[in-house]
Amino acid sequence: MKKILATFSLIFVSVTLFAGTLVYAPLLVAPNDGAENLMPDTELDWTAVAGASTSIYYEIQIDNENTFPDPYTTTSIFTAINAPKLNFGEVFFWRVRAVDGDEISSWSEIRSFSTIAAFLLDRPRNDATNAAPNEEIKWKTTATSIHMSGIDQFEIMLDTSAGFSSPAPYHIVYLEDAAPIFNLNQAKINGKGLLFGEKFFWKVRGIHENDTSDWSEVFNFTVIAGTTLKDPSNAEVTDLNFDFKWNAINGVTNYIFQLSEDENFTTATTLTVLDRQLSSDTLEFGTTYYWRVACEHELDISAYTAPFSLTTKAAPSLNSPANGATNISTTPTLKWTKMSGPTTFDLQYSLNDATFTNARIITLENANSAATESYTINNVIDSATIVYWRVRAKVKTSQISEWSDEWSFTIASTGIGEDTEQEKFTLYPNPSNGAFTISYPYAEGALVNLQIVNLLGKVVYENTLDFSDGVAIRNIDANIPEGIYIIKLQKEKKVLTDKITICY
């Protein structure tokens, strides 16, 4: 009986000891012990603790010392809180315990962390050049995993003075109410009205209601001095109409464009342009112009670019038939290079007359639809005729270009499409030094008139060849200057032509 009572007493004591609810200490989750550069309101996180009641809550302590002599203390029914905007650049210790009615757990382990002392500058990179006058300025925390929060304001110092002592007030930017910024590890603003070509120094610090961070390190960047000219390229020969183009610059409200016939811009046309290009309208033929561009915003105007020059075309350029060409169709098509700006072209052509004394002139609209303009002479031109032609451009009646170069070509002696193998002559050597041989098997004992004509239509050598001896070969010693010439043989009404080059 005594033994049974003893056993019962032991059970009673055990029940008495374990009748109360046991509350375990929470386990700390984040931040990791010894974490650095955290935001002043960093989140403190721990595991939930099971309790006997639904009113379980947690007591949290934060202090600069691990003995917690004067802790910041708060409670929460949740398993995480944000720290109360702690001072920048300090080390803090923290712990948590659970409270379940009258039961209080032991304190958790003690962890430490440190808050960020100063922010890191990001962009523009230190010593960057060609920054825009509204360059985006960015700074960040020390790690991409740390979100920026707990900041009421950022103060940004931006100055042309390395010591931040410039008297100009717009060199200092103070940004209010930029925070709280959540879920970002980077903050940014756009500069405004930064001076062209100036070097700027900048630094940042964060502020909240309890403390101000240290200043960041100092970066510098240089704002772009101005724009860059693109089209037309320097010294280019242009049509009358085209677009002036230059590089766009962010933060510029407008561009100042100048055009002058004087490279010193003593007198110039000045225009304010919103876009990065400008139509030339219609310039004068054969004129050299100089142009340059400056940038402007509300606080500054850049220096003008170094000027570019351009020269407008003085006259159209002929295309085909090639100068001196032979065996051309009796209804030839004349082509010249397209020009932008002229409204009409005057085409002038003359038959066997290099002086254009009795030339025909035709006015044509500027089609501007292909690489070349063209005109076909539909009136059949006699075989072996030398055609001289030239073109000039006009802008309505106010501007008239110079005549183009004068070209000539020779109509085929037998007509295009006929059997020219029935009668022809050969000459050799070609090129020649002025002495050459003509072989004309079809002379048939006749008298044949020989003419050597230069490309201006002038007869420079003439002779009558007598083939009555039945020999088809004649040696010629023309003794004429170097150049390209047309050889014409005329037997009665038949005219044959070929081209020869004289060189010594």
Protein backbone atom coordinates (compact mmCIF):
# COMPACT_ATOMS: atom_id res chain seq x y z
CA MET A 1 0.00 0.00 0.00
CA LYS A 2 2.81 2.37 0.76
CA LYS A 3 4.38 1.67 -2.59
CA ILE A 4 1.15 2.50 -4.47
CA LEU A 5 0.80 5.80 -2.63
CA ALA A 6 4.32 6.69 -3.52
CA THR A 7 3.63 6.02 -7.18
CA PHE A 8 0.45 8.11 -7.09
CA SER A 9 2.31 10.97 -5.46
CA LEU A 10 4.88 10.93 -8.26
CA ILE A 11 2.17 11.07 -10.93
CA PHE A 12 0.49 13.97 -9.14
CA VAL A 13 3.70 15.94 -9.03
CA SER A 14 4.25 15.34 -12.74
CA VAL A 15 0.78 16.52 -13.66
CA THR A 16 1.23 19.56 -11.49
CA LEU A 17 4.54 20.41 -13.18
CA PHE A 18 3.22 20.11 -16.73
CA ALA A 19 -0.31 21.42 -16.27
CA GLY A 20 0.71 24.98 -17.49
CA THR A 21 1.14 25.93 -21.23
CA LEU A 22 4.79 26.02 -22.31
CA VAL A 23 5.64 29.04 -24.63
CA TYR A 24 8.73 28.64 -26.76
CA ALA A 25 11.06 31.48 -27.77
CA PRO A 26 10.65 32.65 -31.42
CA LEU A 27 13.36 31.89 -33.97
CA LEU A 28 14.80 34.91 -35.76
CA VAL A 29 14.56 34.77 -39.57
CA ALA A 30 15.80 38.04 -41.06
CA PRO A 31 17.96 39.97 -41.38
CA ASN A 32 20.88 37.63 -41.12
CA ASP A 33 23.10 38.10 -38.11
CA GLY A 34 25.71 40.73 -38.90
CA ALA A 35 23.88 42.06 -41.99
CA GLU A 36 25.23 45.42 -43.18
CA ASN A 37 24.02 48.59 -44.92
CA LEU A 38 20.34 48.02 -44.19
CA MET A 39 17.74 50.73 -44.58
CA PRO A 40 16.76 52.59 -41.39
CA ASP A 41 13.29 50.98 -41.36
CA THR A 42 14.55 47.52 -42.21
CA GLU A 43 12.11 44.66 -41.70
CA LEU A 44 12.66 42.34 -38.71
CA ASP A 45 11.21 38.86 -39.21
CA TRP A 46 10.83 35.80 -36.91
CA THR A 47 8.89 32.53 -36.72
CA ALA A 48 5.42 32.23 -35.27
CA VAL A 49 5.01 30.63 -31.86
CA ALA A 50 2.00 28.38 -31.01
CA GLY A 51 0.16 29.39 -27.85
CA ALA A 52 -2.81 28.32 -25.77
CA SER A 53 -4.77 31.50 -26.48
CA THR A 54 -5.59 33.51 -29.57
CA SER A 55 -4.16 36.67 -28.02
CA ILE A 56 -0.52 35.70 -28.33
CA TYR A 57 1.75 38.60 -29.25
CA TYR A 58 5.44 39.39 -29.48
CA GLU A 59 7.68 41.81 -27.65
CA ILE A 60 10.60 43.21 -29.67
CA GLN A 61 13.63 45.04 -28.35
CA ILE A 62 16.23 47.03 -30.35
CA ASP A 63 19.30 48.64 -28.83
CA ASN A 64 22.80 49.78 -29.72
CA GLU A 65 24.23 47.42 -27.07
CA ASN A 66 23.76 43.68 -26.81
CA THR A 67 22.87 43.97 -23.09
CA PHE A 68 19.84 46.13 -24.00
CA PRO A 69 20.36 48.72 -21.25
CA ASP A 70 18.01 51.26 -22.86
CA PRO A 71 16.12 49.45 -25.62
CA TYR A 72 13.51 50.60 -27.99
CA THR A 73 10.63 48.25 -27.15
CA THR A 74 7.48 47.57 -29.07
CA THR A 75 4.93 44.78 -29.49
CA SER A 76 3.23 43.18 -32.47
CA ILE A 77 0.65 40.49 -33.10
CA PHE A 78 2.44 39.78 -36.40
CA THR A 79 5.71 37.95 -36.95
CA ALA A 80 7.46 40.90 -38.59
CA ILE A 81 7.78 44.64 -38.09
CA ASN A 82 9.64 47.52 -39.67
CA ALA A 83 12.25 49.15 -37.47
CA PRO A 84 11.32 52.70 -36.39
CA LYS A 85 13.61 54.70 -38.76
CA LEU A 86 16.87 54.03 -36.98
CA ASN A 87 19.88 56.26 -37.16
CA PHE A 88 22.14 55.93 -40.21
CA GLY A 89 25.48 54.14 -39.98
CA GLU A 90 25.01 52.48 -36.58
CA VAL A 91 25.07 48.91 -35.27
CA PHE A 92 21.87 47.59 -33.66
CA PHE A 93 21.02 44.44 -31.68
CA TRP A 94 17.57 42.95 -31.55
CA ARG A 95 15.62 40.10 -29.94
CA VAL A 96 12.04 38.87 -29.65
CA ARG A 97 9.95 36.96 -27.12
CA ALA A 98 6.40 35.66 -27.19
CA VAL A 99 3.66 36.52 -24.67
CA ASP A 100 0.68 34.20 -24.30
CA GLY A 101 -1.58 35.43 -21.56
CA ASP A 102 0.39 35.10 -18.34
CA GLU A 103 2.99 32.98 -20.04
CA ILE A 104 6.13 34.68 -21.39
CA SER A 105 8.76 32.89 -23.40
CA SER A 106 12.42 33.36 -22.96
CA TRP A 107 14.14 35.84 -25.25
CA SER A 108 15.21 34.65 -28.68
CA GLU A 109 18.81 34.66 -29.75
CA ILE A 110 20.33 38.11 -30.18
CA ARG A 111 21.21 39.24 -33.72
CA SER A 112 22.94 42.37 -34.93
CA PHE A 113 22.80 44.48 -38.09
CA SER A 114 24.08 47.85 -39.22
CA THR A 115 22.22 50.60 -41.11
CA ILE A 116 23.48 52.28 -44.24
CA ALA A 117 25.82 55.19 -43.57
CA ALA A 118 25.80 56.72 -47.06
CA PHE A 119 24.33 55.94 -50.47
CA LEU A 120 26.29 54.92 -53.55
CA LEU A 121 26.26 57.05 -56.68
CA ASP A 122 25.34 55.16 -59.84
CA ARG A 123 24.82 57.22 -62.99
CA PRO A 124 26.19 59.16 -64.68
CA ARG A 125 29.41 57.33 -64.03
CA ASN A 126 32.25 59.29 -62.50
CA ASP A 127 34.09 61.38 -65.12
CA ALA A 128 31.32 60.74 -67.68
CA THR A 129 31.21 63.07 -70.68
CA ASN A 130 28.56 64.26 -73.14
CA ALA A 131 25.80 64.13 -70.54
CA ALA A 132 22.46 65.67 -71.52
CA PRO A 133 21.43 68.97 -69.89
CA ASN A 134 18.56 67.03 -68.27
CA GLU A 135 20.73 64.02 -67.47
CA GLU A 136 19.08 61.39 -65.25
CA ILE A 137 20.91 61.20 -61.92
CA LYS A 138 20.75 57.87 -60.07
CA TRP A 139 21.97 56.60 -56.72
CA LYS A 140 21.47 53.28 -54.95
CA THR A 141 21.87 51.17 -51.86
CA THR A 142 24.90 48.96 -51.57
CA ALA A 143 23.17 45.77 -52.72
CA THR A 144 20.46 44.99 -55.23
CA SER A 145 18.64 42.87 -52.63
CA ILE A 146 18.17 45.82 -50.30
CA HIS A 147 15.07 47.86 -51.13
CA MET A 148 15.18 51.59 -50.64
CA SER A 149 12.79 52.69 -47.89
CA GLY A 150 12.58 54.65 -44.70
CA ILE A 151 13.77 57.90 -46.31
CA ASP A 152 11.64 61.03 -46.08
CA GLN A 153 13.83 63.13 -48.37
CA PHE A 154 16.96 63.01 -50.46
CA GLU A 155 19.24 66.01 -50.69
CA ILE A 156 21.23 66.28 -53.90
CA MET A 157 24.08 68.73 -54.22
CA LEU A 158 24.92 69.51 -57.84
CA ASP A 159 27.41 72.24 -58.63
CA THR A 160 30.06 73.40 -61.07
CA SER A 161 32.33 73.92 -58.07
CA ALA A 162 34.16 70.89 -56.67
CA GLY A 163 33.72 72.46 -53.25
CA PHE A 164 29.98 73.03 -53.85
CA SER A 165 30.44 76.75 -53.34
CA SER A 166 28.90 78.17 -56.50
CA PRO A 167 26.69 81.19 -55.84
CA ALA A 168 24.23 80.30 -58.62
CA PRO A 169 21.17 78.90 -56.82
CA TYR A 170 20.01 76.63 -59.63
CA HIS A 171 23.19 74.62 -59.19
CA ILE A 172 21.72 73.22 -55.98
CA VAL A 173 18.85 70.79 -56.26
CA TYR A 174 16.88 69.86 -53.17
CA LEU A 175 14.41 67.06 -53.72
CA GLU A 176 11.57 66.83 -51.20
CA ASP A 177 9.11 63.99 -50.69
CA ALA A 178 11.03 61.60 -52.91
CA ALA A 179 10.50 58.83 -50.38
CA PRO A 180 9.22 56.49 -49.13
CA ILE A 181 10.28 54.58 -52.24
CA PHE A 182 9.43 50.91 -51.91
CA ASN A 183 10.64 47.86 -53.81
CA LEU A 184 13.46 49.74 -55.48
CA ASN A 185 17.15 49.61 -54.75
CA GLN A 186 17.68 52.79 -56.75
CA ALA A 187 16.44 56.38 -56.63
CA LYS A 188 16.72 58.96 -59.41
CA ILE A 189 15.82 62.41 -60.61
CA ASN A 190 16.33 64.26 -63.88
CA GLY A 191 18.67 67.19 -63.92
CA LYS A 192 17.19 70.39 -65.30
CA GLY A 193 18.85 73.17 -67.19
CA LEU A 194 22.42 72.01 -66.72
CA LEU A 195 24.90 74.30 -68.42
CA PHE A 196 26.29 73.21 -71.78
CA GLY A 197 29.92 72.13 -71.74
CA GLU A 198 30.25 72.48 -67.95
CA LYS A 199 31.67 69.94 -65.50
CA PHE A 200 29.31 69.24 -62.60
CA PHE A 201 30.07 67.68 -59.23
CA TRP A 202 27.35 65.90 -57.29
CA LYS A 203 26.63 64.03 -54.08
CA VAL A 204 23.56 62.71 -52.27
CA ARG A 205 22.38 62.07 -48.72
CA GLY A 206 19.19 60.68 -47.21
CA ILE A 207 17.04 62.27 -44.52
CA HIS A 208 14.26 61.00 -42.30
CA GLU A 209 12.59 62.49 -39.23
CA ASN A 210 15.21 61.16 -36.81
CA ASP A 211 18.52 61.40 -38.64
CA THR A 212 20.49 62.41 -41.76
CA SER A 213 22.91 60.09 -43.53
CA ASP A 214 26.48 60.95 -44.43
CA TRP A 215 27.07 62.47 -47.83
CA SER A 216 27.90 60.01 -50.56
CA GLU A 217 31.22 60.16 -52.35
CA VAL A 218 31.49 62.92 -54.98
CA PHE A 219 31.14 62.10 -58.69
CA ASN A 220 31.58 64.45 -61.61
CA PHE A 221 30.28 64.51 -65.17
CA THR A 222 30.53 66.93 -68.08
CA VAL A 223 27.50 68.13 -70.00
CA ILE A 224 27.64 67.92 -73.78
CA ALA A 225 28.89 71.16 -75.32
CA GLY A 226 26.31 71.18 -78.13
CA THR A 227 24.99 69.23 -81.04
CA THR A 228 26.83 67.68 -84.02
CA LEU A 229 26.06 68.50 -87.65
CA LYS A 230 25.15 65.53 -89.87
CA ASP A 231 23.74 66.37 -93.31
CA PRO A 232 24.78 67.66 -95.71
CA SER A 233 28.34 66.68 -94.92
CA ASN A 234 30.97 69.38 -94.84
CA ALA A 235 31.91 70.78 -98.29
CA GLU A 236 29.21 68.72 -100.01
CA VAL A 237 27.79 69.79 -103.38
CA THR A 238 24.02 69.73 -103.09
CA ASP A 239 20.78 70.33 -104.91
CA LEU A 240 18.80 73.46 -104.11
CA ASN A 241 16.34 71.60 -101.87
CA PHE A 242 17.34 69.22 -99.06
CA ASP A 243 17.09 68.84 -95.27
CA PHE A 244 19.70 70.20 -92.88
CA LYS A 245 20.14 67.59 -90.13
CA TRP A 246 21.94 67.48 -86.78
CA ASN A 247 21.96 65.25 -83.70
CA ALA A 248 19.10 65.59 -81.21
CA ILE A 249 20.05 66.38 -77.60
CA ASN A 250 17.78 65.45 -74.68
CA GLY A 251 16.81 68.38 -72.50
CA VAL A 252 17.02 70.94 -75.32
CA THR A 253 13.89 73.05 -75.82
CA ASN A 254 14.89 74.30 -79.27
CA TYR A 255 17.80 74.75 -81.67
CA ILE A 256 19.14 77.98 -83.16
CA PHE A 257 20.02 77.56 -86.84
CA GLN A 258 22.16 80.00 -88.84
CA LEU A 259 22.82 80.11 -92.59
CA SER A 260 25.16 82.56 -94.26
CA GLU A 261 27.13 83.14 -97.45
CA ASP A 262 29.85 84.53 -95.21
CA GLU A 263 31.98 82.03 -93.28
CA ASN A 264 32.21 84.56 -90.43
CA PHE A 265 28.40 84.85 -90.29
CA THR A 266 28.62 88.63 -90.39
CA THR A 267 25.19 88.56 -91.97
CA ALA A 268 23.14 85.44 -91.47
CA THR A 269 19.62 84.07 -91.50
CA THR A 270 18.79 82.91 -87.96
CA LEU A 271 15.88 80.57 -87.23
CA THR A 272 14.58 78.91 -84.06
CA VAL A 273 13.83 75.25 -84.75
CA LEU A 274 12.05 72.76 -82.49
CA ASP A 275 13.11 69.66 -84.39
CA ARG A 276 16.56 68.28 -85.29
CA GLN A 277 16.22 69.10 -88.96
CA LEU A 278 15.18 71.96 -91.22
CA SER A 279 14.20 72.14 -94.88
CA SER A 280 16.53 74.29 -96.94
CA ASP A 281 13.65 75.72 -98.97
CA THR A 282 15.18 76.79 -102.30
CA LEU A 283 18.71 78.17 -102.32
CA GLU A 284 20.53 79.92 -105.15
CA PHE A 285 22.31 78.04 -107.95
CA GLY A 286 26.09 77.70 -107.70
CA THR A 287 26.41 79.38 -104.32
CA THR A 288 28.56 78.42 -101.31
CA TYR A 289 26.77 78.59 -97.96
CA TYR A 290 27.89 78.11 -94.35
CA TRP A 291 25.64 76.74 -91.60
CA ARG A 292 25.80 76.02 -87.89
CA VAL A 293 23.50 75.15 -84.98
CA ALA A 294 23.34 76.00 -81.25
CA CYS A 295 21.20 74.38 -78.53
CA GLU A 296 18.98 76.23 -76.09
CA HIS A 297 17.03 75.52 -72.92
CA GLU A 298 15.51 77.79 -70.31
CA LEU A 299 18.80 78.52 -68.57
CA ASP A 300 21.53 78.35 -71.19
CA ILE A 301 22.49 78.53 -74.86
CA SER A 302 25.34 76.37 -76.15
CA ALA A 303 28.13 77.57 -78.37
CA TYR A 304 27.50 77.18 -82.09
CA THR A 305 28.93 74.12 -83.77
CA ALA A 306 31.93 74.54 -86.01
CA PRO A 307 30.31 75.56 -89.32
CA PHE A 308 29.87 73.25 -92.28
CA SER A 309 29.97 74.54 -95.85
CA LEU A 310 27.97 73.42 -98.86
CA THR A 311 27.85 74.47 -102.47
CA THR A 312 24.70 74.23 -104.54
CA LYS A 313 24.93 72.84 -108.04
CA ALA A 314 25.53 75.53 -110.65
CA ALA A 315 23.91 73.55 -113.48
CA PRO A 316 22.51 70.13 -114.32
CA SER A 317 24.85 67.23 -115.08
CA LEU A 318 24.41 65.44 -118.41
CA ASN A 319 24.07 61.68 -118.33
CA SER A 320 23.63 60.13 -121.79
CA PRO A 321 24.35 59.68 -124.64
CA ALA A 322 27.97 59.90 -123.55
CA ASN A 323 29.96 62.81 -124.82
CA GLY A 324 31.46 61.87 -128.19
CA ALA A 325 29.28 58.77 -128.59
CA THR A 326 28.67 57.44 -132.11
CA ASN A 327 26.06 55.27 -133.84
CA ILE A 328 23.25 56.83 -131.81
CA SER A 329 19.60 56.34 -132.77
CA THR A 330 18.01 58.78 -135.21
CA THR A 331 15.45 59.50 -132.46
CA PRO A 332 17.79 59.79 -129.49
CA THR A 333 16.79 60.05 -125.81
CA LEU A 334 18.72 62.70 -123.90
CA LYS A 335 19.18 62.20 -120.15
CA TRP A 336 20.54 64.35 -117.33
CA THR A 337 20.76 63.92 -113.57
CA LYS A 338 17.68 64.72 -111.53
CA MET A 339 17.78 67.87 -109.38
CA SER A 340 15.64 68.80 -106.39
CA GLY A 341 14.47 72.40 -106.37
CA PRO A 342 14.15 73.49 -110.02
CA THR A 343 10.62 73.70 -111.41
CA THR A 344 11.60 73.38 -115.09
CA PHE A 345 14.52 72.54 -117.35
CA ASP A 346 15.50 74.15 -120.65
CA LEU A 347 16.90 71.58 -123.10
CA GLN A 348 18.76 72.97 -126.09
CA TYR A 349 20.08 70.92 -128.99
CA SER A 350 21.69 71.83 -132.29
CA LEU A 351 22.47 69.84 -135.44
CA ASN A 352 26.00 70.17 -136.82
CA ASP A 353 26.35 73.51 -135.04
CA ALA A 354 28.56 73.74 -131.98
CA THR A 355 27.66 77.42 -131.54
CA PHE A 356 23.94 76.69 -130.95
CA THR A 357 23.15 79.56 -133.35
CA ASN A 358 20.04 77.90 -134.72
CA ALA A 359 19.43 75.57 -131.79
CA ARG A 360 16.02 74.34 -130.73
CA ILE A 361 15.07 74.95 -127.08
CA ILE A 362 12.49 72.87 -125.20
CA THR A 363 11.13 73.65 -121.71
CA LEU A 364 10.30 70.61 -119.59
CA GLU A 365 8.66 70.25 -116.17
CA ASN A 366 10.88 68.84 -113.41
CA ALA A 367 9.46 65.35 -112.91
CA ASN A 368 11.54 64.51 -109.80
CA SER A 369 10.36 60.92 -110.07
CA ALA A 370 13.52 59.13 -111.18
CA ALA A 371 17.28 59.35 -110.91
CA THR A 372 17.44 61.06 -114.30
CA GLU A 373 15.31 63.43 -116.30
CA SER A 374 14.95 62.65 -120.00
CA TYR A 375 13.63 63.87 -123.32
CA THR A 376 13.31 61.91 -126.58
CA ILE A 377 13.76 63.76 -129.89
CA ASN A 378 10.95 62.25 -131.99
CA ASN A 379 11.83 64.09 -135.20
CA VAL A 380 14.10 61.72 -137.11
CA ILE A 381 17.61 63.14 -137.38
CA ASP A 382 19.58 62.48 -140.56
CA SER A 383 22.27 59.86 -140.37
CA ALA A 384 25.84 60.95 -139.57
CA THR A 385 24.57 64.20 -138.03
CA ILE A 386 26.47 65.53 -135.03
CA VAL A 387 24.04 66.60 -132.30
CA TYR A 388 25.17 69.17 -129.75
CA TRP A 389 23.08 69.57 -126.56
CA ARG A 390 22.99 71.17 -123.14
CA VAL A 391 20.53 71.75 -120.27
CA ARG A 392 19.87 74.44 -117.71
CA ALA A 393 17.54 74.53 -114.67
CA LYS A 394 15.04 77.17 -113.59
CA VAL A 395 13.10 77.94 -110.44
CA LYS A 396 9.94 79.50 -111.81
CA THR A 397 11.18 82.70 -113.41
CA SER A 398 13.25 83.96 -110.49
CA GLN A 399 16.35 81.79 -110.80
CA ILE A 400 18.11 80.38 -113.84
CA SER A 401 21.16 78.14 -113.60
CA GLU A 402 24.17 78.17 -115.86
CA TRP A 403 24.09 75.91 -118.90
CA SER A 404 25.45 72.46 -118.32
CA ASP A 405 28.56 71.26 -120.11
CA GLU A 406 28.02 70.99 -123.88
CA TRP A 407 28.05 67.41 -125.10
CA SER A 408 27.80 65.98 -128.57
CA PHE A 409 27.10 62.65 -130.21
CA THR A 410 26.84 61.38 -133.79
CA ILE A 411 23.79 59.77 -135.34
CA ALA A 412 24.46 56.36 -136.88
CA SER A 413 25.36 56.65 -140.57
CA THR A 414 23.01 53.87 -141.68
CA GLY A 415 20.35 54.23 -139.05
CA ILE A 416 19.81 51.96 -136.08
CA GLY A 417 18.35 48.59 -137.04
CA GLU A 418 19.69 48.56 -140.63
CA ASP A 419 22.29 46.07 -141.92
CA THR A 420 25.45 48.07 -141.41
CA GLU A 421 27.60 45.13 -142.45
CA GLN A 422 26.78 45.87 -146.14
CA GLU A 423 29.08 48.87 -146.24
CA LYS A 424 31.62 50.13 -143.70
CA PHE A 425 35.23 51.18 -143.36
CA THR A 426 37.91 50.40 -140.83
CA LEU A 427 40.76 52.51 -139.52
CA TYR A 428 43.92 51.54 -137.69
CA PRO A 429 45.81 51.93 -135.50
CA ASN A 430 43.30 53.38 -133.03
CA PRO A 431 44.43 55.13 -130.85
CA SER A 432 46.81 56.79 -133.29
CA ASN A 433 49.55 59.40 -133.23
CA GLY A 434 47.86 61.21 -136.11
CA ALA A 435 49.05 58.82 -138.82
CA PHE A 436 46.56 56.06 -139.52
CA THR A 437 45.21 53.90 -142.35
CA ILE A 438 41.69 53.79 -143.72
CA SER A 439 40.45 50.62 -145.39
CA TYR A 440 37.28 51.21 -147.45
CA PRO A 441 36.55 48.19 -149.68
CA TYR A 442 33.30 49.78 -150.86
CA ALA A 443 34.90 52.91 -152.33
CA GLU A 444 34.38 51.37 -155.80
CA GLY A 445 36.78 53.76 -157.52
CA ALA A 446 34.90 56.84 -156.36
CA LEU A 447 36.08 60.12 -154.93
CA VAL A 448 35.41 60.10 -151.19
CA ASN A 449 35.42 63.20 -149.01
CA LEU A 450 37.26 62.72 -145.67
CA GLN A 451 36.60 65.02 -142.71
CA ILE A 452 38.03 64.83 -139.19
CA VAL A 453 35.73 66.71 -136.81
CA ASN A 454 36.42 67.51 -133.15
CA LEU A 455 33.73 67.16 -130.46
CA LEU A 456 32.75 70.79 -130.84
CA GLY A 457 31.81 70.14 -134.47
CA LYS A 458 34.78 71.94 -135.97
CA VAL A 459 36.45 70.37 -139.01
CA VAL A 460 40.15 70.11 -138.19
CA TYR A 461 41.27 68.11 -141.21
CA GLU A 462 39.73 67.58 -144.68
CA ASN A 463 40.90 65.72 -147.77
CA THR A 464 39.51 64.08 -150.89
CA LEU A 465 40.48 60.43 -151.26
CA ASP A 466 40.69 59.14 -154.82
CA PHE A 467 39.98 55.42 -155.01
CA SER A 468 39.99 55.31 -158.86
CA ASP A 469 43.04 53.05 -158.81
CA GLY A 470 40.93 50.29 -157.26
CA VAL A 471 43.06 50.14 -154.08
CA ALA A 472 40.85 50.24 -150.94
CA ILE A 473 43.56 51.45 -148.51
CA ARG A 474 44.68 55.03 -147.92
CA ASN A 475 47.28 56.28 -145.45
CA ILE A 476 46.43 59.50 -143.65
CA ASP A 477 48.78 61.81 -141.73
CA ALA A 478 46.49 64.33 -140.11
CA ASN A 479 48.96 66.00 -137.70
CA ILE A 480 46.20 67.16 -135.32
CA PRO A 481 46.25 67.72 -131.53
CA GLU A 482 45.54 64.96 -129.04
CA GLY A 483 41.86 64.26 -128.47
CA ILE A 484 38.84 62.31 -129.60
CA TYR A 485 37.60 62.96 -133.14
CA ILE A 486 34.89 61.81 -135.54
CA ILE A 487 36.06 60.44 -138.91
CA LYS A 488 33.48 61.12 -141.67
CA LEU A 489 33.66 59.53 -145.12
CA GLN A 490 31.12 60.81 -147.66
CA LYS A 491 30.64 58.97 -150.98
CA GLU A 492 27.98 60.79 -152.95
CA LYS A 493 24.98 60.88 -150.53
CA LYS A 494 26.22 58.11 -148.24
CA VAL A 495 27.99 59.18 -145.07
CA LEU A 496 29.89 56.77 -142.80
CA THR A 497 31.40 57.72 -139.44
CA ASP A 498 33.70 56.27 -136.82
CA LYS A 499 35.58 57.59 -133.82
CA ILE A 500 39.37 57.84 -133.41
CA THR A 501 41.58 58.82 -130.48
CA ILE A 502 44.76 60.79 -131.15
CA CYS A 503 47.50 60.59 -128.55
CA TYR A 504 51.25 61.10 -128.73
